[in-house]
Every structure is written in structure tokens, then in C-alpha cells.
N, C-alpha and C. Protein backbone atom coordinates (compact mmCIF):
# COMPACT_ATOMS: atom_id res chain seq x y z
N MET A 1 0.85 -1.18 0.00
CA MET A 1 0.00 0.00 0.00
C MET A 1 0.89 1.23 0.00
N ILE A 2 0.39 2.31 -0.48
CA ILE A 2 1.15 3.53 -0.68
C ILE A 2 1.80 4.05 0.60
N LYS A 3 1.07 4.11 1.71
CA LYS A 3 1.59 4.64 2.97
C LYS A 3 2.13 3.56 3.89
N GLY A 4 1.99 2.31 3.51
CA GLY A 4 2.47 1.23 4.35
C GLY A 4 1.56 0.90 5.51
N TYR A 5 0.32 1.36 5.47
CA TYR A 5 -0.63 1.05 6.53
C TYR A 5 -1.00 -0.43 6.48
N SER A 6 -1.21 -1.01 7.64
CA SER A 6 -1.61 -2.41 7.70
C SER A 6 -3.07 -2.55 7.29
N GLN A 7 -3.44 -3.77 6.93
CA GLN A 7 -4.84 -4.04 6.63
C GLN A 7 -5.70 -3.79 7.86
N GLU A 8 -5.19 -4.10 9.03
CA GLU A 8 -5.94 -3.88 10.26
C GLU A 8 -6.24 -2.40 10.46
N TYR A 9 -5.24 -1.55 10.20
CA TYR A 9 -5.42 -0.11 10.34
C TYR A 9 -6.45 0.41 9.34
N MET A 10 -6.30 0.01 8.09
CA MET A 10 -7.23 0.47 7.06
C MET A 10 -8.65 0.01 7.36
N ALA A 11 -8.79 -1.23 7.79
CA ALA A 11 -10.11 -1.76 8.13
C ALA A 11 -10.72 -0.97 9.29
N PHE A 12 -9.92 -0.67 10.29
CA PHE A 12 -10.39 0.13 11.43
C PHE A 12 -10.89 1.49 10.96
N ARG A 13 -10.09 2.16 10.13
CA ARG A 13 -10.46 3.50 9.65
C ARG A 13 -11.70 3.46 8.76
N LEU A 14 -11.91 2.37 8.05
CA LEU A 14 -13.07 2.23 7.17
C LEU A 14 -14.28 1.63 7.89
N ASN A 15 -14.06 1.25 9.15
CA ASN A 15 -15.12 0.66 9.96
C ASN A 15 -15.65 -0.65 9.35
N ILE A 16 -14.70 -1.47 8.89
CA ILE A 16 -15.02 -2.79 8.35
C ILE A 16 -14.05 -3.79 8.97
N SER A 17 -14.30 -5.07 8.78
CA SER A 17 -13.38 -6.08 9.31
C SER A 17 -12.11 -6.15 8.46
N GLN A 18 -11.07 -6.71 9.05
CA GLN A 18 -9.82 -6.89 8.31
C GLN A 18 -10.05 -7.83 7.14
N ASN A 19 -10.89 -8.83 7.33
CA ASN A 19 -11.20 -9.77 6.26
C ASN A 19 -11.90 -9.06 5.10
N ALA A 20 -12.83 -8.16 5.41
CA ALA A 20 -13.54 -7.40 4.37
C ALA A 20 -12.55 -6.52 3.60
N TYR A 21 -11.61 -5.90 4.33
CA TYR A 21 -10.63 -5.06 3.65
C TYR A 21 -9.71 -5.90 2.77
N SER A 22 -9.32 -7.06 3.27
CA SER A 22 -8.48 -7.96 2.49
C SER A 22 -9.16 -8.35 1.18
N LYS A 23 -10.45 -8.59 1.24
CA LYS A 23 -11.21 -8.93 0.03
C LYS A 23 -11.23 -7.76 -0.95
N LEU A 24 -11.29 -6.52 -0.44
CA LEU A 24 -11.21 -5.35 -1.32
C LEU A 24 -9.87 -5.32 -2.04
N GLU A 25 -8.79 -5.54 -1.29
CA GLU A 25 -7.45 -5.53 -1.89
C GLU A 25 -7.29 -6.61 -2.94
N ARG A 26 -7.86 -7.77 -2.71
CA ARG A 26 -7.73 -8.88 -3.66
C ARG A 26 -8.72 -8.80 -4.80
N GLY A 27 -9.63 -7.85 -4.75
CA GLY A 27 -10.62 -7.72 -5.81
C GLY A 27 -11.77 -8.70 -5.71
N GLU A 28 -11.92 -9.33 -4.55
CA GLU A 28 -13.02 -10.27 -4.36
C GLU A 28 -14.32 -9.56 -4.02
N THR A 29 -14.21 -8.34 -3.54
CA THR A 29 -15.36 -7.48 -3.27
C THR A 29 -15.20 -6.23 -4.13
N GLU A 30 -16.26 -5.86 -4.82
CA GLU A 30 -16.19 -4.69 -5.69
C GLU A 30 -16.06 -3.41 -4.87
N LEU A 31 -15.15 -2.57 -5.25
CA LEU A 31 -14.91 -1.29 -4.58
C LEU A 31 -15.94 -0.27 -5.05
N THR A 32 -16.67 0.29 -4.10
CA THR A 32 -17.65 1.32 -4.45
C THR A 32 -16.94 2.67 -4.56
N VAL A 33 -17.59 3.59 -5.23
CA VAL A 33 -17.03 4.94 -5.36
C VAL A 33 -16.88 5.57 -3.98
N ARG A 34 -17.89 5.38 -3.14
CA ARG A 34 -17.83 5.94 -1.78
C ARG A 34 -16.63 5.39 -1.03
N ARG A 35 -16.44 4.08 -1.08
CA ARG A 35 -15.31 3.46 -0.38
C ARG A 35 -13.99 3.93 -0.96
N PHE A 36 -13.93 4.10 -2.28
CA PHE A 36 -12.73 4.60 -2.94
C PHE A 36 -12.35 5.98 -2.39
N TYR A 37 -13.33 6.86 -2.26
CA TYR A 37 -13.07 8.20 -1.73
C TYR A 37 -12.64 8.14 -0.26
N GLU A 38 -13.20 7.22 0.50
CA GLU A 38 -12.78 7.06 1.90
C GLU A 38 -11.32 6.66 1.97
N ILE A 39 -10.90 5.75 1.11
CA ILE A 39 -9.51 5.30 1.08
C ILE A 39 -8.58 6.45 0.68
N ILE A 40 -8.99 7.24 -0.29
CA ILE A 40 -8.21 8.41 -0.70
C ILE A 40 -8.00 9.35 0.47
N GLU A 41 -9.05 9.59 1.24
CA GLU A 41 -8.94 10.48 2.39
C GLU A 41 -8.00 9.92 3.45
N ILE A 42 -8.09 8.63 3.72
CA ILE A 42 -7.22 8.01 4.72
C ILE A 42 -5.76 8.09 4.28
N LEU A 43 -5.50 7.78 3.03
CA LEU A 43 -4.13 7.75 2.52
C LEU A 43 -3.59 9.14 2.20
N GLU A 44 -4.49 10.12 2.10
CA GLU A 44 -4.10 11.50 1.77
C GLU A 44 -3.29 11.55 0.48
N VAL A 45 -3.84 10.91 -0.54
CA VAL A 45 -3.20 10.89 -1.86
C VAL A 45 -4.19 11.33 -2.92
N PRO A 46 -3.71 11.85 -4.03
CA PRO A 46 -4.62 12.20 -5.13
C PRO A 46 -5.23 10.95 -5.76
N MET A 47 -6.43 11.10 -6.25
CA MET A 47 -7.14 9.98 -6.86
C MET A 47 -6.33 9.32 -7.97
N ASN A 48 -5.70 10.11 -8.81
CA ASN A 48 -4.98 9.53 -9.95
C ASN A 48 -3.81 8.65 -9.53
N SER A 49 -3.23 8.89 -8.36
CA SER A 49 -2.12 8.03 -7.92
C SER A 49 -2.63 6.63 -7.58
N LEU A 50 -3.83 6.52 -7.01
CA LEU A 50 -4.39 5.21 -6.72
C LEU A 50 -4.83 4.52 -8.01
N LEU A 51 -5.39 5.28 -8.92
CA LEU A 51 -5.82 4.68 -10.19
C LEU A 51 -4.63 4.16 -10.97
N THR A 52 -3.53 4.90 -10.95
CA THR A 52 -2.32 4.46 -11.65
C THR A 52 -1.79 3.19 -11.02
N GLU A 53 -1.78 3.12 -9.68
CA GLU A 53 -1.30 1.91 -9.00
C GLU A 53 -2.21 0.73 -9.30
N TYR A 54 -3.51 0.96 -9.32
CA TYR A 54 -4.49 -0.10 -9.59
C TYR A 54 -4.28 -0.67 -10.99
N ARG A 55 -4.03 0.20 -11.96
CA ARG A 55 -3.85 -0.26 -13.34
C ARG A 55 -2.59 -1.10 -13.51
N SER A 56 -1.64 -0.99 -12.59
CA SER A 56 -0.40 -1.74 -12.72
C SER A 56 -0.56 -3.19 -12.27
N PHE A 57 -1.66 -3.52 -11.57
CA PHE A 57 -1.90 -4.89 -11.14
C PHE A 57 -2.32 -5.74 -12.34
N ASP A 58 -1.95 -7.02 -12.28
CA ASP A 58 -2.42 -7.97 -13.30
C ASP A 58 -3.84 -8.35 -12.96
N LEU A 59 -4.76 -8.04 -13.87
CA LEU A 59 -6.18 -8.36 -13.63
C LEU A 59 -6.59 -9.54 -14.46
């Protein structure tokens, strides 16, 4: 992850379980626009930096 936050930390900040956050990272749960914006706020990064990182994954 960009800031090196743990899954536990991100899950806590998003008010979801660590397992639910793990599924978001693995693409097993679809990321909503609302959740995407919440992640941007937590990471304090511009939207395009996350989109660029996402596109680099093998889908």
C-alpha cells in the first residue's frame, strides 16, 4: 500500500473487518465509489495516484 498502513489499520479506519478489507485488496469485493473516496482520504493521496497503482496490477 502507498503509505504502508496495515490491513488492520485500514479496516479500522473504514469501519469494516480486516477480512472485508483484504477482500477489497484482492478484488473479491467490488470497490464502491464511496469506499474509494474514503480510502483516498485516509491515505491523503490524489485519486490519480491510486488509479495508476491499480492499473499496474495484473487483472
